[in-house]
Amino acid sequence: MAYDEGLAERIRDVLRDEQGVGEKRMFGGLCFMLGGHMMVGIVKESLMARVGEAAEARALAKAGARPMDFTGKPMKGYVFVDPEGIAEDRELASWIGLAKSFVESLPPKKPKPLR
């Protein structure tokens, strides 16, 4: 499953100066990780944002947002944002900021043991 490479570049531009950000292919798309935690990603042409359960209802009220139902069952604390909700760079930056704020509130990831 392909993902929107143009959206990936836009996300990279927003995150360019952030420390601890990495990329990982997941869900047939691309995820941007912060400190080892999934933060935002791309599935086809939609943005996936990890906003946390407390902010989910507010996030879903925004234009273009819908529940993240990748497996057919909504994942709590995650939303998809369709292209119309991130058409402007400021909208995309706002979603990334919301996800970043949530992920920064999580405890640090423990390093995985070496195999």
N, C-alpha and C. Protein backbone atom coordinates (compact mmCIF):
# COMPACT_ATOMS: atom_id res chain seq x y z
N MET A 1 0.84 -1.17 0.00
CA MET A 1 0.00 0.00 0.00
C MET A 1 0.90 1.24 0.00
N ALA A 2 0.71 2.10 -0.94
CA ALA A 2 1.53 3.30 -1.07
C ALA A 2 1.00 4.40 -0.15
N TYR A 3 1.87 5.35 0.17
CA TYR A 3 1.46 6.50 0.96
C TYR A 3 1.84 7.76 0.21
N ASP A 4 1.24 8.86 0.58
CA ASP A 4 1.44 10.15 -0.07
C ASP A 4 2.83 10.70 0.28
N GLU A 5 3.74 10.60 -0.65
CA GLU A 5 5.11 11.05 -0.43
C GLU A 5 5.18 12.57 -0.26
N GLY A 6 4.29 13.28 -0.92
CA GLY A 6 4.23 14.74 -0.74
C GLY A 6 3.88 15.11 0.69
N LEU A 7 2.94 14.38 1.28
CA LEU A 7 2.58 14.61 2.67
C LEU A 7 3.76 14.27 3.58
N ALA A 8 4.48 13.21 3.25
CA ALA A 8 5.66 12.84 4.03
C ALA A 8 6.66 14.00 4.04
N GLU A 9 6.88 14.62 2.92
CA GLU A 9 7.81 15.75 2.84
C GLU A 9 7.31 16.94 3.66
N ARG A 10 6.02 17.19 3.62
CA ARG A 10 5.45 18.28 4.42
C ARG A 10 5.64 18.02 5.91
N ILE A 11 5.44 16.76 6.33
CA ILE A 11 5.65 16.41 7.74
C ILE A 11 7.12 16.57 8.11
N ARG A 12 8.01 16.11 7.24
CA ARG A 12 9.45 16.27 7.49
C ARG A 12 9.81 17.74 7.67
N ASP A 13 9.20 18.61 6.86
CA ASP A 13 9.47 20.05 6.98
C ASP A 13 9.06 20.58 8.36
N VAL A 14 7.88 20.16 8.84
CA VAL A 14 7.41 20.60 10.14
C VAL A 14 8.32 20.09 11.25
N LEU A 15 8.79 18.85 11.11
CA LEU A 15 9.58 18.21 12.17
C LEU A 15 11.10 18.38 12.02
N ARG A 16 11.51 19.13 11.03
CA ARG A 16 12.93 19.25 10.68
C ARG A 16 13.84 19.57 11.87
N ASP A 17 13.42 20.44 12.75
CA ASP A 17 14.28 20.87 13.86
C ASP A 17 14.02 20.11 15.17
N GLU A 18 13.15 19.13 15.13
CA GLU A 18 12.82 18.36 16.34
C GLU A 18 13.87 17.29 16.61
N GLN A 19 14.26 17.17 17.85
CA GLN A 19 15.21 16.13 18.26
C GLN A 19 14.43 14.86 18.60
N GLY A 20 15.03 13.71 18.34
CA GLY A 20 14.43 12.43 18.73
C GLY A 20 13.35 11.91 17.80
N VAL A 21 13.24 12.49 16.59
CA VAL A 21 12.23 12.05 15.62
C VAL A 21 12.85 11.05 14.67
N GLY A 22 12.14 9.98 14.41
CA GLY A 22 12.57 8.97 13.46
C GLY A 22 11.40 8.54 12.60
N GLU A 23 11.69 7.81 11.55
CA GLU A 23 10.67 7.32 10.64
C GLU A 23 10.68 5.80 10.65
N LYS A 24 9.50 5.23 10.50
CA LYS A 24 9.37 3.77 10.46
C LYS A 24 8.20 3.40 9.58
N ARG A 25 8.40 2.43 8.71
CA ARG A 25 7.30 1.96 7.88
C ARG A 25 6.39 1.07 8.73
N MET A 26 5.11 1.45 8.76
CA MET A 26 4.11 0.70 9.54
C MET A 26 2.75 0.86 8.86
N PHE A 27 1.87 -0.08 9.11
CA PHE A 27 0.49 -0.02 8.61
C PHE A 27 0.44 0.15 7.09
N GLY A 28 1.45 -0.30 6.39
CA GLY A 28 1.49 -0.10 4.94
C GLY A 28 1.76 1.35 4.58
N GLY A 29 2.16 2.13 5.55
CA GLY A 29 2.44 3.55 5.32
C GLY A 29 3.74 3.92 6.00
N LEU A 30 3.79 5.14 6.49
CA LEU A 30 4.98 5.66 7.13
C LEU A 30 4.59 6.32 8.45
N CYS A 31 5.32 6.01 9.52
CA CYS A 31 5.07 6.62 10.82
C CYS A 31 6.28 7.45 11.22
N PHE A 32 5.98 8.53 11.90
CA PHE A 32 7.01 9.39 12.48
C PHE A 32 6.95 9.16 13.98
N MET A 33 8.08 8.79 14.53
CA MET A 33 8.19 8.43 15.94
C MET A 33 8.90 9.55 16.68
N LEU A 34 8.53 9.74 17.93
CA LEU A 34 9.21 10.70 18.79
C LEU A 34 9.60 9.96 20.05
N GLY A 35 10.89 9.86 20.30
CA GLY A 35 11.37 9.14 21.47
C GLY A 35 10.93 7.69 21.49
N GLY A 36 10.74 7.10 20.33
CA GLY A 36 10.32 5.72 20.22
C GLY A 36 8.81 5.51 20.24
N HIS A 37 8.04 6.57 20.46
CA HIS A 37 6.58 6.50 20.47
C HIS A 37 6.02 6.93 19.12
N MET A 38 5.02 6.21 18.64
CA MET A 38 4.34 6.61 17.41
C MET A 38 3.65 7.95 17.66
N MET A 39 3.87 8.92 16.75
CA MET A 39 3.31 10.25 16.91
C MET A 39 2.31 10.56 15.78
N VAL A 40 2.80 10.62 14.55
CA VAL A 40 1.95 10.84 13.39
C VAL A 40 2.39 9.89 12.29
N GLY A 41 1.54 9.71 11.31
CA GLY A 41 1.90 8.85 10.20
C GLY A 41 1.02 9.13 9.00
N ILE A 42 1.27 8.36 7.96
CA ILE A 42 0.52 8.50 6.72
C ILE A 42 0.04 7.12 6.31
N VAL A 43 -1.25 7.02 6.06
CA VAL A 43 -1.85 5.82 5.50
C VAL A 43 -2.59 6.28 4.25
N LYS A 44 -2.10 5.83 3.11
CA LYS A 44 -2.58 6.30 1.81
C LYS A 44 -2.39 7.81 1.75
N GLU A 45 -3.48 8.60 1.70
CA GLU A 45 -3.34 10.05 1.62
C GLU A 45 -3.75 10.74 2.92
N SER A 46 -4.06 9.96 3.95
CA SER A 46 -4.53 10.52 5.22
C SER A 46 -3.43 10.59 6.26
N LEU A 47 -3.53 11.60 7.10
CA LEU A 47 -2.64 11.73 8.25
C LEU A 47 -3.21 10.91 9.39
N MET A 48 -2.38 10.18 10.08
CA MET A 48 -2.76 9.50 11.31
C MET A 48 -2.11 10.31 12.42
N ALA A 49 -2.91 10.70 13.41
CA ALA A 49 -2.38 11.48 14.53
C ALA A 49 -2.73 10.81 15.85
N ARG A 50 -1.73 10.65 16.69
CA ARG A 50 -1.93 10.09 18.03
C ARG A 50 -2.18 11.25 18.98
N VAL A 51 -3.44 11.46 19.31
CA VAL A 51 -3.82 12.62 20.10
C VAL A 51 -4.13 12.28 21.56
N GLY A 52 -4.26 11.01 21.88
CA GLY A 52 -4.61 10.59 23.23
C GLY A 52 -6.11 10.58 23.44
N GLU A 53 -6.55 9.74 24.35
CA GLU A 53 -7.99 9.58 24.59
C GLU A 53 -8.64 10.87 25.09
N ALA A 54 -7.94 11.63 25.92
CA ALA A 54 -8.52 12.85 26.49
C ALA A 54 -8.82 13.90 25.42
N ALA A 55 -8.05 13.94 24.36
CA ALA A 55 -8.23 14.95 23.30
C ALA A 55 -8.97 14.41 22.09
N GLU A 56 -9.31 13.13 22.11
CA GLU A 56 -9.90 12.51 20.92
C GLU A 56 -11.21 13.16 20.49
N ALA A 57 -12.13 13.39 21.39
CA ALA A 57 -13.43 13.98 21.01
C ALA A 57 -13.24 15.36 20.39
N ARG A 58 -12.38 16.18 20.99
CA ARG A 58 -12.10 17.52 20.42
C ARG A 58 -11.46 17.39 19.05
N ALA A 59 -10.56 16.44 18.90
CA ALA A 59 -9.89 16.25 17.61
C ALA A 59 -10.89 15.81 16.54
N LEU A 60 -11.80 14.92 16.90
CA LEU A 60 -12.78 14.43 15.93
C LEU A 60 -13.76 15.51 15.49
N ALA A 61 -13.89 16.58 16.25
CA ALA A 61 -14.78 17.68 15.89
C ALA A 61 -14.16 18.58 14.82
N LYS A 62 -12.88 18.41 14.53
CA LYS A 62 -12.18 19.25 13.55
C LYS A 62 -12.46 18.76 12.13
N ALA A 63 -12.36 19.68 11.19
CA ALA A 63 -12.62 19.37 9.78
C ALA A 63 -11.70 18.27 9.27
N GLY A 64 -12.27 17.29 8.62
CA GLY A 64 -11.50 16.22 7.99
C GLY A 64 -11.12 15.09 8.90
N ALA A 65 -11.40 15.20 10.21
CA ALA A 65 -11.00 14.16 11.16
C ALA A 65 -12.05 13.06 11.24
N ARG A 66 -11.57 11.85 11.44
CA ARG A 66 -12.46 10.70 11.61
C ARG A 66 -11.73 9.69 12.50
N PRO A 67 -12.48 8.77 13.10
CA PRO A 67 -11.82 7.76 13.94
C PRO A 67 -10.81 6.94 13.13
N MET A 68 -9.73 6.56 13.77
CA MET A 68 -8.76 5.68 13.12
C MET A 68 -9.29 4.25 13.27
N ASP A 69 -9.78 3.74 12.17
CA ASP A 69 -10.40 2.41 12.18
C ASP A 69 -9.67 1.49 11.22
N PHE A 70 -8.37 1.49 11.32
CA PHE A 70 -7.51 0.75 10.40
C PHE A 70 -7.88 -0.74 10.34
N THR A 71 -8.24 -1.32 11.46
CA THR A 71 -8.55 -2.75 11.51
C THR A 71 -10.05 -3.02 11.48
N GLY A 72 -10.86 -1.97 11.31
CA GLY A 72 -12.30 -2.12 11.36
C GLY A 72 -12.86 -1.78 12.73
N LYS A 73 -11.98 -1.64 13.71
CA LYS A 73 -12.37 -1.25 15.06
C LYS A 73 -11.58 0.02 15.41
N PRO A 74 -12.28 1.09 15.82
CA PRO A 74 -11.56 2.33 16.13
C PRO A 74 -10.49 2.13 17.20
N MET A 75 -9.34 2.75 16.99
CA MET A 75 -8.25 2.71 17.96
C MET A 75 -8.37 3.96 18.83
N LYS A 76 -8.51 3.77 20.12
CA LYS A 76 -8.67 4.90 21.04
C LYS A 76 -7.41 5.76 21.05
N GLY A 77 -7.66 7.08 21.01
CA GLY A 77 -6.56 8.02 21.10
C GLY A 77 -5.89 8.36 19.78
N TYR A 78 -6.37 7.77 18.70
CA TYR A 78 -5.81 8.01 17.37
C TYR A 78 -6.92 8.49 16.44
N VAL A 79 -6.58 9.38 15.51
CA VAL A 79 -7.53 9.83 14.50
C VAL A 79 -6.85 9.83 13.13
N PHE A 80 -7.66 9.70 12.11
CA PHE A 80 -7.23 9.94 10.74
C PHE A 80 -7.70 11.34 10.38
N VAL A 81 -6.90 12.04 9.60
CA VAL A 81 -7.28 13.35 9.09
C VAL A 81 -7.17 13.27 7.57
N ASP A 82 -8.30 13.45 6.91
CA ASP A 82 -8.33 13.39 5.46
C ASP A 82 -7.68 14.63 4.86
N PRO A 83 -7.30 14.57 3.58
CA PRO A 83 -6.55 15.68 2.96
C PRO A 83 -7.16 17.06 3.14
N GLU A 84 -8.49 17.18 3.14
CA GLU A 84 -9.08 18.52 3.29
C GLU A 84 -8.81 19.12 4.66
N GLY A 85 -8.53 18.30 5.65
CA GLY A 85 -8.23 18.80 6.99
C GLY A 85 -6.79 19.22 7.20
N ILE A 86 -5.94 18.94 6.22
CA ILE A 86 -4.51 19.29 6.32
C ILE A 86 -4.02 19.97 5.05
N ALA A 87 -4.95 20.59 4.31
CA ALA A 87 -4.60 21.22 3.04
C ALA A 87 -3.61 22.37 3.23
N GLU A 88 -3.76 23.10 4.32
CA GLU A 88 -2.86 24.23 4.61
C GLU A 88 -1.75 23.76 5.55
N ASP A 89 -0.56 24.32 5.37
CA ASP A 89 0.57 23.94 6.22
C ASP A 89 0.30 24.20 7.69
N ARG A 90 -0.41 25.29 8.01
CA ARG A 90 -0.71 25.60 9.40
C ARG A 90 -1.63 24.55 10.01
N GLU A 91 -2.54 23.97 9.21
CA GLU A 91 -3.42 22.90 9.71
C GLU A 91 -2.60 21.65 10.02
N LEU A 92 -1.71 21.30 9.09
CA LEU A 92 -0.85 20.14 9.30
C LEU A 92 0.01 20.35 10.55
N ALA A 93 0.60 21.53 10.68
CA ALA A 93 1.45 21.81 11.85
C ALA A 93 0.65 21.74 13.14
N SER A 94 -0.61 22.15 13.11
CA SER A 94 -1.46 22.09 14.29
C SER A 94 -1.71 20.64 14.71
N TRP A 95 -1.99 19.77 13.76
CA TRP A 95 -2.20 18.35 14.07
C TRP A 95 -0.91 17.73 14.62
N ILE A 96 0.21 18.04 13.99
CA ILE A 96 1.48 17.50 14.47
C ILE A 96 1.77 18.01 15.88
N GLY A 97 1.48 19.27 16.14
CA GLY A 97 1.68 19.83 17.47
C GLY A 97 0.82 19.14 18.52
N LEU A 98 -0.44 18.84 18.16
CA LEU A 98 -1.33 18.15 19.08
C LEU A 98 -0.79 16.76 19.41
N ALA A 99 -0.36 16.03 18.37
CA ALA A 99 0.20 14.69 18.58
C ALA A 99 1.51 14.76 19.37
N LYS A 100 2.34 15.73 19.05
CA LYS A 100 3.63 15.88 19.75
C LYS A 100 3.40 16.15 21.23
N SER A 101 2.45 17.02 21.54
CA SER A 101 2.15 17.32 22.95
C SER A 101 1.73 16.07 23.70
N PHE A 102 0.90 15.24 23.07
CA PHE A 102 0.48 14.02 23.73
C PHE A 102 1.65 13.07 23.92
N VAL A 103 2.41 12.84 22.87
CA VAL A 103 3.51 11.88 22.95
C VAL A 103 4.57 12.33 23.96
N GLU A 104 4.80 13.62 24.06
CA GLU A 104 5.77 14.13 25.05
C GLU A 104 5.30 13.88 26.48
N SER A 105 4.01 13.66 26.67
CA SER A 105 3.49 13.39 28.01
C SER A 105 3.64 11.93 28.42
N LEU A 106 4.03 11.07 27.49
CA LEU A 106 4.18 9.64 27.77
C LEU A 106 5.51 9.37 28.46
N PRO A 107 5.57 8.30 29.25
CA PRO A 107 6.85 7.95 29.87
C PRO A 107 7.85 7.52 28.80
N PRO A 108 9.13 7.71 29.06
CA PRO A 108 10.14 7.32 28.07
C PRO A 108 10.04 5.82 27.75
N LYS A 109 10.32 5.50 26.51
CA LYS A 109 10.35 4.10 26.09
C LYS A 109 11.63 3.47 26.63
N LYS A 110 11.50 2.24 27.10
CA LYS A 110 12.67 1.52 27.54
C LYS A 110 13.36 0.92 26.31
N PRO A 111 14.68 0.95 26.28
CA PRO A 111 15.37 0.36 25.14
C PRO A 111 15.06 -1.14 25.03
N LYS A 112 14.93 -1.58 23.78
CA LYS A 112 14.69 -3.01 23.55
C LYS A 112 15.99 -3.78 23.76
N PRO A 113 15.89 -4.97 24.36
CA PRO A 113 17.12 -5.74 24.59
C PRO A 113 17.73 -6.19 23.26
N LEU A 114 19.04 -6.27 23.26
CA LEU A 114 19.74 -6.73 22.06
C LEU A 114 19.52 -8.23 21.91
N ARG A 115 19.43 -8.66 20.68
CA ARG A 115 19.23 -10.10 20.44
C ARG A 115 20.51 -10.77 20.09
